[in-house]
Amino acid sequence: DKHTILERYLNIIELGPHVFGLRAAATHWFDVSPRELTIRQAAFLAALTCEPESMGRRVRHAGGLDSDSATRVDVILRAMRRDGVIDDAQLAAARESGMHFAQTALHAD
């Protein structure tokens, strides 16, 4: 079924340098479990899906969320709102929240 397909995909997708799967990505980028991801962090991981290496390089080079990556995250947040995954208050809060990366993610090769 669709749930199984999505679960399998999320377990193998590349989401950073030699980082495969949602659990590994949550740990790599934010040092948290997938359940502990904030809305903004989840949007960041979703934004990584189409260019994990280049977006990862930009973030590492900037030492945090660069403007191009921030724009991609905002696109994901707006899509989450449009699709009813989050409400207006959650969107506003996610936009205002910081993006605190694990130090090891900012120094990974």
PDB file of N, CA and C in Angstrom:
ATOM      1  N   ASP A   1       0.831  -1.187   0.000  1.00  0.00           N
ATOM      2  CA  ASP A   1       0.000   0.000   0.000  1.00  0.00           C
ATOM      3  C   ASP A   1       0.880   1.257   0.000  1.00  0.00           C
ATOM      4  N   LYS A   2       0.259   2.409  -0.110  1.00  0.00           N
ATOM      5  CA  LYS A   2       0.994   3.675  -0.206  1.00  0.00           C
ATOM      6  C   LYS A   2       1.835   3.947   1.034  1.00  0.00           C
ATOM      7  N   HIS A   3       1.303   3.619   2.197  1.00  0.00           N
ATOM      8  CA  HIS A   3       2.033   3.844   3.443  1.00  0.00           C
ATOM      9  C   HIS A   3       3.339   3.042   3.469  1.00  0.00           C
ATOM     10  N   THR A   4       3.280   1.805   3.051  1.00  0.00           N
ATOM     11  CA  THR A   4       4.467   0.949   3.016  1.00  0.00           C
ATOM     12  C   THR A   4       5.490   1.484   2.020  1.00  0.00           C
ATOM     13  N   ILE A   5       5.028   1.910   0.860  1.00  0.00           N
ATOM     14  CA  ILE A   5       5.935   2.463  -0.146  1.00  0.00           C
ATOM     15  C   ILE A   5       6.633   3.710   0.401  1.00  0.00           C
ATOM     16  N   LEU A   6       5.869   4.605   1.022  1.00  0.00           N
ATOM     17  CA  LEU A   6       6.449   5.821   1.585  1.00  0.00           C
ATOM     18  C   LEU A   6       7.441   5.492   2.695  1.00  0.00           C
ATOM     19  N   GLU A   7       7.090   4.567   3.553  1.00  0.00           N
ATOM     20  CA  GLU A   7       7.975   4.177   4.650  1.00  0.00           C
ATOM     21  C   GLU A   7       9.291   3.622   4.101  1.00  0.00           C
ATOM     22  N   ARG A   8       9.226   2.765   3.120  1.00  0.00           N
ATOM     23  CA  ARG A   8      10.443   2.197   2.534  1.00  0.00           C
ATOM     24  C   ARG A   8      11.286   3.278   1.868  1.00  0.00           C
ATOM     25  N   TYR A   9      10.627   4.175   1.164  1.00  0.00           N
ATOM     26  CA  TYR A   9      11.336   5.278   0.512  1.00  0.00           C
ATOM     27  C   TYR A   9      12.066   6.131   1.548  1.00  0.00           C
ATOM     28  N   LEU A  10      11.381   6.475   2.633  1.00  0.00           N
ATOM     29  CA  LEU A  10      11.984   7.313   3.670  1.00  0.00           C
ATOM     30  C   LEU A  10      13.127   6.608   4.401  1.00  0.00           C
ATOM     31  N   ASN A  11      13.180   5.302   4.315  1.00  0.00           N
ATOM     32  CA  ASN A  11      14.272   4.549   4.936  1.00  0.00           C
ATOM     33  C   ASN A  11      15.513   4.464   4.058  1.00  0.00           C
ATOM     34  N   ILE A  12      15.415   4.828   2.772  1.00  0.00           N
ATOM     35  CA  ILE A  12      16.574   4.691   1.876  1.00  0.00           C
ATOM     36  C   ILE A  12      16.980   5.979   1.172  1.00  0.00           C
ATOM     37  N   ILE A  13      16.155   7.001   1.205  1.00  0.00           N
ATOM     38  CA  ILE A  13      16.452   8.236   0.479  1.00  0.00           C
ATOM     39  C   ILE A  13      17.721   8.900   1.013  1.00  0.00           C
ATOM     40  N   GLU A  14      18.496   9.474   0.099  1.00  0.00           N
ATOM     41  CA  GLU A  14      19.704  10.199   0.502  1.00  0.00           C
ATOM     42  C   GLU A  14      19.312  11.595   0.969  1.00  0.00           C
ATOM     43  N   LEU A  15      19.748  11.939   2.179  1.00  0.00           N
ATOM     44  CA  LEU A  15      19.420  13.232   2.772  1.00  0.00           C
ATOM     45  C   LEU A  15      20.649  13.910   3.361  1.00  0.00           C
ATOM     46  N   GLY A  16      21.751  13.777   2.674  1.00  0.00           N
ATOM     47  CA  GLY A  16      23.000  14.398   3.107  1.00  0.00           C
ATOM     48  C   GLY A  16      24.170  13.564   2.634  1.00  0.00           C
ATOM     49  N   PRO A  17      25.387  14.002   2.985  1.00  0.00           N
ATOM     50  CA  PRO A  17      26.585  13.290   2.556  1.00  0.00           C
ATOM     51  C   PRO A  17      26.680  11.904   3.207  1.00  0.00           C
ATOM     52  N   HIS A  18      26.432  10.882   2.428  1.00  0.00           N
ATOM     53  CA  HIS A  18      26.457   9.498   2.925  1.00  0.00           C
ATOM     54  C   HIS A  18      25.435   9.286   4.041  1.00  0.00           C
ATOM     55  N   VAL A  19      24.326  10.019   3.969  1.00  0.00           N
ATOM     56  CA  VAL A  19      23.251   9.929   4.957  1.00  0.00           C
ATOM     57  C   VAL A  19      22.017   9.404   4.235  1.00  0.00           C
ATOM     58  N   PHE A  20      21.599   8.212   4.608  1.00  0.00           N
ATOM     59  CA  PHE A  20      20.477   7.569   3.931  1.00  0.00           C
ATOM     60  C   PHE A  20      19.381   7.245   4.930  1.00  0.00           C
ATOM     61  N   GLY A  21      18.189   7.725   4.657  1.00  0.00           N
ATOM     62  CA  GLY A  21      17.035   7.447   5.499  1.00  0.00           C
ATOM     63  C   GLY A  21      16.733   8.584   6.451  1.00  0.00           C
ATOM     64  N   LEU A  22      15.460   8.678   6.816  1.00  0.00           N
ATOM     65  CA  LEU A  22      14.986   9.753   7.670  1.00  0.00           C
ATOM     66  C   LEU A  22      15.617   9.716   9.059  1.00  0.00           C
ATOM     67  N   ARG A  23      15.722   8.545   9.652  1.00  0.00           N
ATOM     68  CA  ARG A  23      16.302   8.443  11.002  1.00  0.00           C
ATOM     69  C   ARG A  23      17.747   8.938  11.005  1.00  0.00           C
ATOM     70  N   ALA A  24      18.530   8.486  10.034  1.00  0.00           N
ATOM     71  CA  ALA A  24      19.932   8.923   9.941  1.00  0.00           C
ATOM     72  C   ALA A  24      20.016  10.421   9.683  1.00  0.00           C
ATOM     73  N   ALA A  25      19.114  10.951   8.867  1.00  0.00           N
ATOM     74  CA  ALA A  25      19.137  12.377   8.549  1.00  0.00           C
ATOM     75  C   ALA A  25      18.782  13.227   9.764  1.00  0.00           C
ATOM     76  N   ALA A  26      17.770  12.827  10.514  1.00  0.00           N
ATOM     77  CA  ALA A  26      17.395  13.572  11.714  1.00  0.00           C
ATOM     78  C   ALA A  26      18.556  13.616  12.704  1.00  0.00           C
ATOM     79  N   THR A  27      19.225  12.493  12.837  1.00  0.00           N
ATOM     80  CA  THR A  27      20.380  12.433  13.737  1.00  0.00           C
ATOM     81  C   THR A  27      21.538  13.254  13.189  1.00  0.00           C
ATOM     82  N   HIS A  28      21.830  13.084  11.904  1.00  0.00           N
ATOM     83  CA  HIS A  28      22.963  13.790  11.291  1.00  0.00           C
ATOM     84  C   HIS A  28      22.791  15.305  11.361  1.00  0.00           C
ATOM     85  N   TRP A  29      21.670  15.804  10.891  1.00  0.00           N
ATOM     86  CA  TRP A  29      21.481  17.248  10.777  1.00  0.00           C
ATOM     87  C   TRP A  29      21.127  17.924  12.100  1.00  0.00           C
ATOM     88  N   PHE A  30      20.362  17.237  12.962  1.00  0.00           N
ATOM     89  CA  PHE A  30      19.830  17.915  14.146  1.00  0.00           C
ATOM     90  C   PHE A  30      20.083  17.190  15.460  1.00  0.00           C
ATOM     91  N   ASP A  31      20.673  15.999  15.415  1.00  0.00           N
ATOM     92  CA  ASP A  31      20.951  15.206  16.611  1.00  0.00           C
ATOM     93  C   ASP A  31      19.679  14.922  17.402  1.00  0.00           C
ATOM     94  N   VAL A  32      18.609  14.586  16.664  1.00  0.00           N
ATOM     95  CA  VAL A  32      17.331  14.219  17.285  1.00  0.00           C
ATOM     96  C   VAL A  32      16.765  13.002  16.555  1.00  0.00           C
ATOM     97  N   SER A  33      15.757  12.400  17.134  1.00  0.00           N
ATOM     98  CA  SER A  33      15.041  11.316  16.459  1.00  0.00           C
ATOM     99  C   SER A  33      14.009  11.940  15.511  1.00  0.00           C
ATOM    100  N   PRO A  34      13.511  11.188  14.546  1.00  0.00           N
ATOM    101  CA  PRO A  34      12.482  11.742  13.656  1.00  0.00           C
ATOM    102  C   PRO A  34      11.265  12.300  14.397  1.00  0.00           C
ATOM    103  N   ARG A  35      10.876  11.665  15.490  1.00  0.00           N
ATOM    104  CA  ARG A  35       9.706  12.140  16.255  1.00  0.00           C
ATOM    105  C   ARG A  35       9.964  13.494  16.914  1.00  0.00           C
ATOM    106  N   GLU A  36      11.228  13.822  17.131  1.00  0.00           N
ATOM    107  CA  GLU A  36      11.574  15.075  17.801  1.00  0.00           C
ATOM    108  C   GLU A  36      11.792  16.246  16.835  1.00  0.00           C
ATOM    109  N   LEU A  37      11.706  15.990  15.538  1.00  0.00           N
ATOM    110  CA  LEU A  37      11.899  17.063  14.560  1.00  0.00           C
ATOM    111  C   LEU A  37      10.847  18.145  14.723  1.00  0.00           C
ATOM    112  N   THR A  38      11.277  19.388  14.623  1.00  0.00           N
ATOM    113  CA  THR A  38      10.313  20.482  14.579  1.00  0.00           C
ATOM    114  C   THR A  38       9.726  20.540  13.164  1.00  0.00           C
ATOM    115  N   ILE A  39       8.692  21.320  12.993  1.00  0.00           N
ATOM    116  CA  ILE A  39       8.098  21.474  11.669  1.00  0.00           C
ATOM    117  C   ILE A  39       9.127  22.043  10.699  1.00  0.00           C
ATOM    118  N   ARG A  40       9.873  23.023  11.124  1.00  0.00           N
ATOM    119  CA  ARG A  40      10.889  23.649  10.261  1.00  0.00           C
ATOM    120  C   ARG A  40      11.998  22.662   9.909  1.00  0.00           C
ATOM    121  N   GLN A  41      12.428  21.857  10.870  1.00  0.00           N
ATOM    122  CA  GLN A  41      13.455  20.841  10.589  1.00  0.00           C
ATOM    123  C   GLN A  41      12.933  19.812   9.595  1.00  0.00           C
ATOM    124  N   ALA A  42      11.690  19.385   9.757  1.00  0.00           N
ATOM    125  CA  ALA A  42      11.099  18.425   8.817  1.00  0.00           C
ATOM    126  C   ALA A  42      11.021  19.036   7.420  1.00  0.00           C
ATOM    127  N   ALA A  43      10.683  20.321   7.343  1.00  0.00           N
ATOM    128  CA  ALA A  43      10.637  21.001   6.045  1.00  0.00           C
ATOM    129  C   ALA A  43      12.026  21.074   5.426  1.00  0.00           C
ATOM    130  N   PHE A  44      13.054  21.276   6.237  1.00  0.00           N
ATOM    131  CA  PHE A  44      14.428  21.280   5.738  1.00  0.00           C
ATOM    132  C   PHE A  44      14.766  19.929   5.115  1.00  0.00           C
ATOM    133  N   LEU A  45      14.443  18.850   5.809  1.00  0.00           N
ATOM    134  CA  LEU A  45      14.746  17.517   5.271  1.00  0.00           C
ATOM    135  C   LEU A  45      13.976  17.261   3.987  1.00  0.00           C
ATOM    136  N   ALA A  46      12.733  17.727   3.917  1.00  0.00           N
ATOM    137  CA  ALA A  46      11.959  17.582   2.683  1.00  0.00           C
ATOM    138  C   ALA A  46      12.602  18.386   1.553  1.00  0.00           C
ATOM    139  N   ALA A  47      13.113  19.559   1.871  1.00  0.00           N
ATOM    140  CA  ALA A  47      13.762  20.396   0.861  1.00  0.00           C
ATOM    141  C   ALA A  47      15.047  19.755   0.339  1.00  0.00           C
ATOM    142  N   LEU A  48      15.672  18.936   1.159  1.00  0.00           N
ATOM    143  CA  LEU A  48      16.915  18.252   0.763  1.00  0.00           C
ATOM    144  C   LEU A  48      16.704  17.178  -0.300  1.00  0.00           C
ATOM    145  N   THR A  49      15.496  16.682  -0.432  1.00  0.00           N
ATOM    146  CA  THR A  49      15.276  15.481  -1.244  1.00  0.00           C
ATOM    147  C   THR A  49      15.706  15.614  -2.694  1.00  0.00           C
ATOM    148  N   CYS A  50      15.596  16.792  -3.283  1.00  0.00           N
ATOM    149  CA  CYS A  50      15.941  16.895  -4.708  1.00  0.00           C
ATOM    150  C   CYS A  50      17.387  17.312  -4.947  1.00  0.00           C
ATOM    151  N   GLU A  51      18.092  17.761  -3.937  1.00  0.00           N
ATOM    152  CA  GLU A  51      19.500  18.106  -4.112  1.00  0.00           C
ATOM    153  C   GLU A  51      20.273  17.963  -2.800  1.00  0.00           C
ATOM    154  N   PRO A  52      20.372  16.755  -2.282  1.00  0.00           N
ATOM    155  CA  PRO A  52      20.980  16.575  -0.963  1.00  0.00           C
ATOM    156  C   PRO A  52      22.445  16.995  -0.890  1.00  0.00           C
ATOM    157  N   GLU A  53      23.203  16.746  -1.940  1.00  0.00           N
ATOM    158  CA  GLU A  53      24.630  17.087  -1.885  1.00  0.00           C
ATOM    159  C   GLU A  53      24.863  18.586  -2.005  1.00  0.00           C
ATOM    160  N   SER A  54      24.251  19.220  -2.999  1.00  0.00           N
ATOM    161  CA  SER A  54      24.512  20.650  -3.195  1.00  0.00           C
ATOM    162  C   SER A  54      23.902  21.503  -2.079  1.00  0.00           C
ATOM    163  N   MET A  55      22.705  21.163  -1.629  1.00  0.00           N
ATOM    164  CA  MET A  55      22.105  21.917  -0.526  1.00  0.00           C
ATOM    165  C   MET A  55      22.911  21.700   0.752  1.00  0.00           C
ATOM    166  N   GLY A  56      23.341  20.473   0.969  1.00  0.00           N
ATOM    167  CA  GLY A  56      24.174  20.183   2.136  1.00  0.00           C
ATOM    168  C   GLY A  56      25.470  20.978   2.119  1.00  0.00           C
ATOM    169  N   ARG A  57      26.090  21.082   0.944  1.00  0.00           N
ATOM    170  CA  ARG A  57      27.321  21.877   0.804  1.00  0.00           C
ATOM    171  C   ARG A  57      27.067  23.348   1.114  1.00  0.00           C
ATOM    172  N   ARG A  58      25.961  23.883   0.610  1.00  0.00           N
ATOM    173  CA  ARG A  58      25.640  25.295   0.868  1.00  0.00           C
ATOM    174  C   ARG A  58      25.455  25.555   2.365  1.00  0.00           C
ATOM    175  N   VAL A  59      24.752  24.661   3.022  1.00  0.00           N
ATOM    176  CA  VAL A  59      24.506  24.821   4.462  1.00  0.00           C
ATOM    177  C   VAL A  59      25.819  24.729   5.232  1.00  0.00           C
ATOM    178  N   ARG A  60      26.645  23.756   4.890  1.00  0.00           N
ATOM    179  CA  ARG A  60      27.935  23.627   5.582  1.00  0.00           C
ATOM    180  C   ARG A  60      28.811  24.851   5.322  1.00  0.00           C
ATOM    181  N   HIS A  61      28.842  25.327   4.089  1.00  0.00           N
ATOM    182  CA  HIS A  61      29.655  26.490   3.741  1.00  0.00           C
ATOM    183  C   HIS A  61      29.183  27.733   4.498  1.00  0.00           C
ATOM    184  N   ALA A  62      27.873  27.895   4.635  1.00  0.00           N
ATOM    185  CA  ALA A  62      27.305  29.055   5.333  1.00  0.00           C
ATOM    186  C   ALA A  62      27.369  28.902   6.849  1.00  0.00           C
ATOM    187  N   GLY A  63      27.597  27.680   7.331  1.00  0.00           N
ATOM    188  CA  GLY A  63      27.587  27.446   8.770  1.00  0.00           C
ATOM    189  C   GLY A  63      26.181  27.475   9.344  1.00  0.00           C
ATOM    190  N   GLY A  64      25.201  27.268   8.483  1.00  0.00           N
ATOM    191  CA  GLY A  64      23.794  27.300   8.872  1.00  0.00           C
ATOM    192  C   GLY A  64      22.944  27.426   7.626  1.00  0.00           C
ATOM    193  N   LEU A  65      21.728  27.813   7.797  1.00  0.00           N
ATOM    194  CA  LEU A  65      20.795  27.893   6.683  1.00  0.00           C
ATOM    195  C   LEU A  65      21.123  29.103   5.807  1.00  0.00           C
ATOM    196  N   ASP A  66      21.554  28.859   4.579  1.00  0.00           N
ATOM    197  CA  ASP A  66      21.837  29.933   3.625  1.00  0.00           C
ATOM    198  C   ASP A  66      20.526  30.419   3.013  1.00  0.00           C
ATOM    199  N   SER A  67      20.568  31.531   2.293  1.00  0.00           N
ATOM    200  CA  SER A  67      19.335  32.129   1.782  1.00  0.00           C
ATOM    201  C   SER A  67      18.631  31.246   0.748  1.00  0.00           C
ATOM    202  N   ASP A  68      19.386  30.593  -0.146  1.00  0.00           N
ATOM    203  CA  ASP A  68      18.747  29.710  -1.129  1.00  0.00           C
ATOM    204  C   ASP A  68      18.050  28.538  -0.450  1.00  0.00           C
ATOM    205  N   SER A  69      18.713  27.949   0.525  1.00  0.00           N
ATOM    206  CA  SER A  69      18.113  26.823   1.245  1.00  0.00           C
ATOM    207  C   SER A  69      16.932  27.284   2.081  1.00  0.00           C
ATOM    208  N   ALA A  70      17.025  28.476   2.665  1.00  0.00           N
ATOM    209  CA  ALA A  70      15.913  29.015   3.449  1.00  0.00           C
ATOM    210  C   ALA A  70      14.684  29.222   2.558  1.00  0.00           C
ATOM    211  N   THR A  71      14.907  29.660   1.334  1.00  0.00           N
ATOM    212  CA  THR A  71      13.803  29.833   0.388  1.00  0.00           C
ATOM    213  C   THR A  71      13.152  28.490   0.090  1.00  0.00           C
ATOM    214  N   ARG A  72      13.967  27.448  -0.108  1.00  0.00           N
ATOM    215  CA  ARG A  72      13.436  26.110  -0.369  1.00  0.00           C
ATOM    216  C   ARG A  72      12.614  25.609   0.829  1.00  0.00           C
ATOM    217  N   VAL A  73      13.111  25.842   2.032  1.00  0.00           N
ATOM    218  CA  VAL A  73      12.382  25.429   3.236  1.00  0.00           C
ATOM    219  C   VAL A  73      11.043  26.153   3.303  1.00  0.00           C
ATOM    220  N   ASP A  74      11.039  27.442   2.984  1.00  0.00           N
ATOM    221  CA  ASP A  74       9.791  28.198   3.022  1.00  0.00           C
ATOM    222  C   ASP A  74       8.783  27.679   1.997  1.00  0.00           C
ATOM    223  N   VAL A  75       9.258  27.262   0.827  1.00  0.00           N
ATOM    224  CA  VAL A  75       8.361  26.662  -0.181  1.00  0.00           C
ATOM    225  C   VAL A  75       7.692  25.417   0.402  1.00  0.00           C
ATOM    226  N   ILE A  76       8.472  24.593   1.079  1.00  0.00           N
ATOM    227  CA  ILE A  76       7.930  23.373   1.696  1.00  0.00           C
ATOM    228  C   ILE A  76       6.914  23.741   2.780  1.00  0.00           C
ATOM    229  N   LEU A  77       7.239  24.723   3.615  1.00  0.00           N
ATOM    230  CA  LEU A  77       6.307  25.137   4.669  1.00  0.00           C
ATOM    231  C   LEU A  77       4.987  25.633   4.080  1.00  0.00           C
ATOM    232  N   ARG A  78       5.061  26.430   3.022  1.00  0.00           N
ATOM    233  CA  ARG A  78       3.834  26.917   2.382  1.00  0.00           C
ATOM    234  C   ARG A  78       3.024  25.756   1.797  1.00  0.00           C
ATOM    235  N   ALA A  79       3.711  24.768   1.223  1.00  0.00           N
ATOM    236  CA  ALA A  79       3.010  23.594   0.681  1.00  0.00           C
ATOM    237  C   ALA A  79       2.350  22.800   1.809  1.00  0.00           C
ATOM    238  N   MET A  80       3.025  22.707   2.943  1.00  0.00           N
ATOM    239  CA  MET A  80       2.438  22.016   4.091  1.00  0.00           C
ATOM    240  C   MET A  80       1.163  22.730   4.545  1.00  0.00           C
ATOM    241  N   ARG A  81       1.189  24.047   4.527  1.00  0.00           N
ATOM    242  CA  ARG A  81      -0.008  24.826   4.905  1.00  0.00           C
ATOM    243  C   ARG A  81      -1.108  24.647   3.867  1.00  0.00           C
ATOM    244  N   ARG A  82      -0.748  24.763   2.595  1.00  0.00           N
ATOM    245  CA  ARG A  82      -1.731  24.622   1.508  1.00  0.00           C
ATOM    246  C   ARG A  82      -2.429  23.269   1.578  1.00  0.00           C
ATOM    247  N   ASP A  83      -1.665  22.222   1.906  1.00  0.00           N
ATOM    248  CA  ASP A  83      -2.214  20.871   1.932  1.00  0.00           C
ATOM    249  C   ASP A  83      -2.859  20.499   3.267  1.00  0.00           C
ATOM    250  N   GLY A  84      -2.905  21.441   4.205  1.00  0.00           N
ATOM    251  CA  GLY A  84      -3.580  21.202   5.472  1.00  0.00           C
ATOM    252  C   GLY A  84      -2.787  20.396   6.486  1.00  0.00           C
ATOM    253  N   VAL A  85      -1.504  20.248   6.251  1.00  0.00           N
ATOM    254  CA  VAL A  85      -0.658  19.503   7.198  1.00  0.00           C
ATOM    255  C   VAL A  85      -0.404  20.344   8.442  1.00  0.00           C
ATOM    256  N   ILE A  86      -0.265  21.648   8.240  1.00  0.00           N
ATOM    257  CA  ILE A  86      -0.102  22.582   9.355  1.00  0.00           C
ATOM    258  C   ILE A  86      -1.108  23.716   9.166  1.00  0.00           C
ATOM    259  N   ASP A  87      -1.380  24.444  10.255  1.00  0.00           N
ATOM    260  CA  ASP A  87      -2.309  25.573  10.167  1.00  0.00           C
ATOM    261  C   ASP A  87      -1.522  26.888  10.108  1.00  0.00           C
ATOM    262  N   ASP A  88      -2.237  28.004  10.038  1.00  0.00           N
ATOM    263  CA  ASP A  88      -1.594  29.314   9.918  1.00  0.00           C
ATOM    264  C   ASP A  88      -0.665  29.610  11.096  1.00  0.00           C
ATOM    265  N   ALA A  89      -1.104  29.282  12.300  1.00  0.00           N
ATOM    266  CA  ALA A  89      -0.287  29.539  13.494  1.00  0.00           C
ATOM    267  C   ALA A  89       0.994  28.708  13.462  1.00  0.00           C
ATOM    268  N   GLN A  90       0.887  27.452  13.048  1.00  0.00           N
ATOM    269  CA  GLN A  90       2.074  26.598  12.959  1.00  0.00           C
ATOM    270  C   GLN A  90       3.028  27.086  11.867  1.00  0.00           C
ATOM    271  N   LEU A  91       2.473  27.558  10.764  1.00  0.00           N
ATOM    272  CA  LEU A  91       3.299  28.113   9.699  1.00  0.00           C
ATOM    273  C   LEU A  91       4.069  29.323  10.209  1.00  0.00           C
ATOM    274  N   ALA A  92       3.381  30.232  10.864  1.00  0.00           N
ATOM    275  CA  ALA A  92       4.028  31.429  11.398  1.00  0.00           C
ATOM    276  C   ALA A  92       5.110  31.067  12.412  1.00  0.00           C
ATOM    277  N   ALA A  93       4.810  30.131  13.293  1.00  0.00           N
ATOM    278  CA  ALA A  93       5.784  29.713  14.302  1.00  0.00           C
ATOM    279  C   ALA A  93       6.995  29.050  13.659  1.00  0.00           C
ATOM    280  N   ALA A  94       6.769  28.220  12.650  1.00  0.00           N
ATOM    281  CA  ALA A  94       7.877  27.544  11.968  1.00  0.00           C
ATOM    282  C   ALA A  94       8.768  28.550  11.254  1.00  0.00           C
ATOM    283  N   ARG A  95       8.159  29.551  10.647  1.00  0.00           N
ATOM    284  CA  ARG A  95       8.944  30.582   9.952  1.00  0.00           C
ATOM    285  C   ARG A  95       9.786  31.380  10.928  1.00  0.00           C
ATOM    286  N   GLU A  96       9.298  31.575  12.125  1.00  0.00           N
ATOM    287  CA  GLU A  96      10.009  32.370  13.132  1.00  0.00           C
ATOM    288  C   GLU A  96      11.059  31.559  13.899  1.00  0.00           C
ATOM    289  N   SER A  97      10.902  30.250  13.902  1.00  0.00           N
ATOM    290  CA  SER A  97      11.817  29.429  14.699  1.00  0.00           C
ATOM    291  C   SER A  97      13.190  29.360  14.044  1.00  0.00           C
ATOM    292  N   GLY A  98      14.182  29.194  14.863  1.00  0.00           N
ATOM    293  CA  GLY A  98      15.543  29.065  14.359  1.00  0.00           C
ATOM    294  C   GLY A  98      15.788  27.678  13.798  1.00  0.00           C
ATOM    295  N   MET A  99      16.907  27.558  13.129  1.00  0.00           N
ATOM    296  CA  MET A  99      17.302  26.254  12.578  1.00  0.00           C
ATOM    297  C   MET A  99      18.652  25.930  13.200  1.00  0.00           C
ATOM    298  N   HIS A 100      18.631  25.099  14.225  1.00  0.00           N
ATOM    299  CA  HIS A 100      19.846  24.760  14.948  1.00  0.00           C
ATOM    300  C   HIS A 100      20.357  23.405  14.487  1.00  0.00           C
ATOM    301  N   PHE A 101      21.443  23.446  13.752  1.00  0.00           N
ATOM    302  CA  PHE A 101      22.043  22.231  13.219  1.00  0.00           C
ATOM    303  C   PHE A 101      23.014  21.618  14.215  1.00  0.00           C
ATOM    304  N   ALA A 102      23.164  20.305  14.158  1.00  0.00           N
ATOM    305  CA  ALA A 102      24.190  19.623  14.930  1.00  0.00           C
ATOM    306  C   ALA A 102      25.551  20.088  14.407  1.00  0.00           C
ATOM    307  N   GLN A 103      26.469  20.340  15.287  1.00  0.00           N
ATOM    308  CA  GLN A 103      27.796  20.818  14.873  1.00  0.00           C
ATOM    309  C   GLN A 103      28.490  19.826  13.952  1.00  0.00           C
ATOM    310  N   THR A 104      28.275  18.538  14.183  1.00  0.00           N
ATOM    311  CA  THR A 104      28.905  17.548  13.317  1.00  0.00           C
ATOM    312  C   THR A 104      28.384  17.639  11.880  1.00  0.00           C
ATOM    313  N   ALA A 105      27.127  18.038  11.699  1.00  0.00           N
ATOM    314  CA  ALA A 105      26.563  18.176  10.345  1.00  0.00           C
ATOM    315  C   ALA A 105      27.221  19.339   9.615  1.00  0.00           C
ATOM    316  N   LEU A 106      27.546  20.388  10.332  1.00  0.00           N
ATOM    317  CA  LEU A 106      28.135  21.563   9.692  1.00  0.00           C
ATOM    318  C   LEU A 106      29.598  21.356   9.338  1.00  0.00           C
ATOM    319  N   HIS A 107      30.180  20.292   9.842  1.00  0.00           N
ATOM    320  CA  HIS A 107      31.586  20.021   9.565  1.00  0.00           C
ATOM    321  C   HIS A 107      31.801  18.698   8.835  1.00  0.00           C
ATOM    322  N   ALA A 108      30.722  18.082   8.371  1.00  0.00           N
ATOM    323  CA  ALA A 108      30.814  16.803   7.665  1.00  0.00           C
ATOM    324  C   ALA A 108      31.366  17.016   6.251  1.00  0.00           C
ATOM    325  N   ASP A 109      31.979  15.994   5.723  1.00  0.00           N
ATOM    326  CA  ASP A 109      32.498  16.056   4.346  1.00  0.00           C
ATOM    327  C   ASP A 109      31.502  15.497   3.371  1.00  0.00           C
TER     328      ASP A 109
END
